[in-house]
Amino acid sequence: MSKFDIDTIAAISTPPGTGGVGIIKISGPGAFLIIKKVFMPSSNKKPWQHPRRMCHGFFCNPDSSTDRIDEVLCVCMPCPSSYTGEDVAEIQSHGGVFVLNQILDVLLTMDIRMAQPGEFSKRAFLNGRIDLTRAEAVIDIINASSKKALSAAQLNLNGGLRDEINRIIRDTTGIAAIFEAAIDFPEEMDEVDIDSIISRIESQIKAPLEKLFFLKKTSEVLRYGLKIVIAGRPNVGKSSLLNLFMGRDRAIVTDIPGTTRDIIAETINLEGLTLQLIDTAGIRDSNNKIELAGIELTYEMIDLSHLCILMMDVTEPPGDDERELFLRIKNKPYILLLNKIDLQSNYIDDYLKLFTKDRPVLFSTKTMAGFSELSSKIKMAFDSYDHDCEDNQALPNIRHLSLIEEAMDAGKAALCTLKNNTGIELASDDLKHVLISLGQITGTIISDDILDRIFSDFCIGK
C-alpha cells in the first residue's frame, strides 16, 4: 500500500487573510477519527453520525475539552461520495489568520500531515471521482477573469471537454480496430475500404480536432488576458500610454528617442477584462546593437500578440517607419492611435489621408482625449475572440492544445499514408499515436511527473 493510500491530509481551503469564515479541509481514512477528538458538538447531533449535515460545536484541543479554540461548524462526507473519494471533513471557523493557523497546528500534531498544492484534486482524480480535464477546470474556475472564461471552465468541470475527447477516442479506436483485424486476421477479413476509412478519419478525427485547435487564441485570451503590443517609432508616447493605463509611472518617459530598449509587460484589468500590455522598443534605423536587439524583440512580440496598437506622433509627418510597421501588423487585429493631438503644430490630416479606411483614434496622453474610444476598441477586440467560443463550446487549455496538435499531426500522417497507399500498418501506428495523445488529455494515459506538474499549479487546500 502506498503512502497516498494511508495518509490523512489537511489544509486551509480559504484564501490567506482575514474574513468572516475560514475553512479547514481534512481528507483520508483518519478524517472522522480526528474530528471525534477535536470537535465537541453543542447538541446531540454529531457530524460523523449525520453525514453531509452541518453541525454546530467547538473546536477543542484534544488534550483538554475545556480548551476551546473557536466556535465552529463541522460537516463529514463519507467515501466514496466525497470530492476526493475518501472520508472528508470540513471545519468552518471564524476567518482570522491566527485562529485558522491555530486549528491547523492542532491537527498537524495528530496522525495527519499538511496537504501539498492541489492534493485534494489530485486524490479526486486518482480515486476516479473526476478525470484530468475536470480537475484542471477547478483551477480555471478559480482563475477565471471573465464571464465567458468562467462559463467555459464550468462546462469543462461538467465534462464538456472530456466528452468531446472521448468521442474522438471512440471513433479513432473503431477505425484502428479495423486496421488491427485486417493485419492480424487477413484471411478472415474483407479488403479494407480505404476511401471509406479516409472519409471517416477526416470527419471523425481531423475535423473535430481542428475545431478544438481553432480555439487556441480564444483560450489564451480568456484564460490569461488579451496580449496587446504598443508599437511605433521612438518617442511617440508608447511608455506614456502604458503609464496611463497603469495609473502610475511604470516606464521611464523622456524626450530622448530610444529610451525603451527592452519590453516592459504589465497586466491590468479594464472594466473586468484582463489585458497584458507590452511596451516595446521604438522602430527606427539604428546602428546600435542593443537598440537593434530591442527592435527585433518588438517584431517578435507583434507576431505573438492578440492585438497591436500602432502609435504615431502627429507632430511629425508620416514616414517609411509607419508604413513598414503597418504592413507588419495589417494581417492581425490592430488599432491606429494618433497621439499628441493636443499640440498645435500637427499633421493629423496627412495621417487621416494615409489611413482612410482604418478610422484612427485621435489621442493625447497628456489630456487623455480619446481614451474612452481606445478602451471601446480594445473591448471590441476582446469580444471578437470571445465570440469565437460558442456558449456550449469546450475550451482546451495550453496543455490540451499541445496534445491536440500532436493528435492532429498523427491523424494527418495516417491520412497521408492511406492516400499514398503505403500500407495500413503505418496508418495503424499513426492512429495509436492519436490515442496516446488524447489519452494524456483525459488522464487515462499519464505519467507521474506530468501529474505532479499539473497539480503543483493548484493552491494548497484545493
Foldseek 3Di string as FASTA:
>chain_A
DDPVQAAKAKDWQDDDDADFKTKMKIWHACAVVVCVQFWDFPDPDDQVVPAPDKTWTFGAQSVDPVRTLFTWIKHWHDACPDQLRHIMMMIMGGRHNVSVVVSVVSVCVDRHYYFAFLRSLLSSCVNPVAFPQLSLLVVQCVQFLAPLSNLLSVLSVVPLVVVLLVQLLVLLVVLLVLLVCCVPPVPPDDDDPLVVSLVSLVVRPQVSLVLQLVLQVLQCCRRPHAEEEEAAAFPLCLQLVVCLQVVHNPDDDDNDGFPFQAKDWDWDADPSGIYIYIYFTGDDDDPDPSNVVRVVVSLVSLVVGQEYEYGGEFLDADDPRSVVVCVSNVVHHYAYEYEDPVDDRGNVVRVCVVPVPRPHFYAYSVVGRRVVVVSVSVVVSSVVSSVSADSSRNHDHPLLSVLSVQLSVLSVVLSVCSVVVVDVVSSSVSSVSNSQSSCCNRVVHHDPVVSCVSSNPGGRND
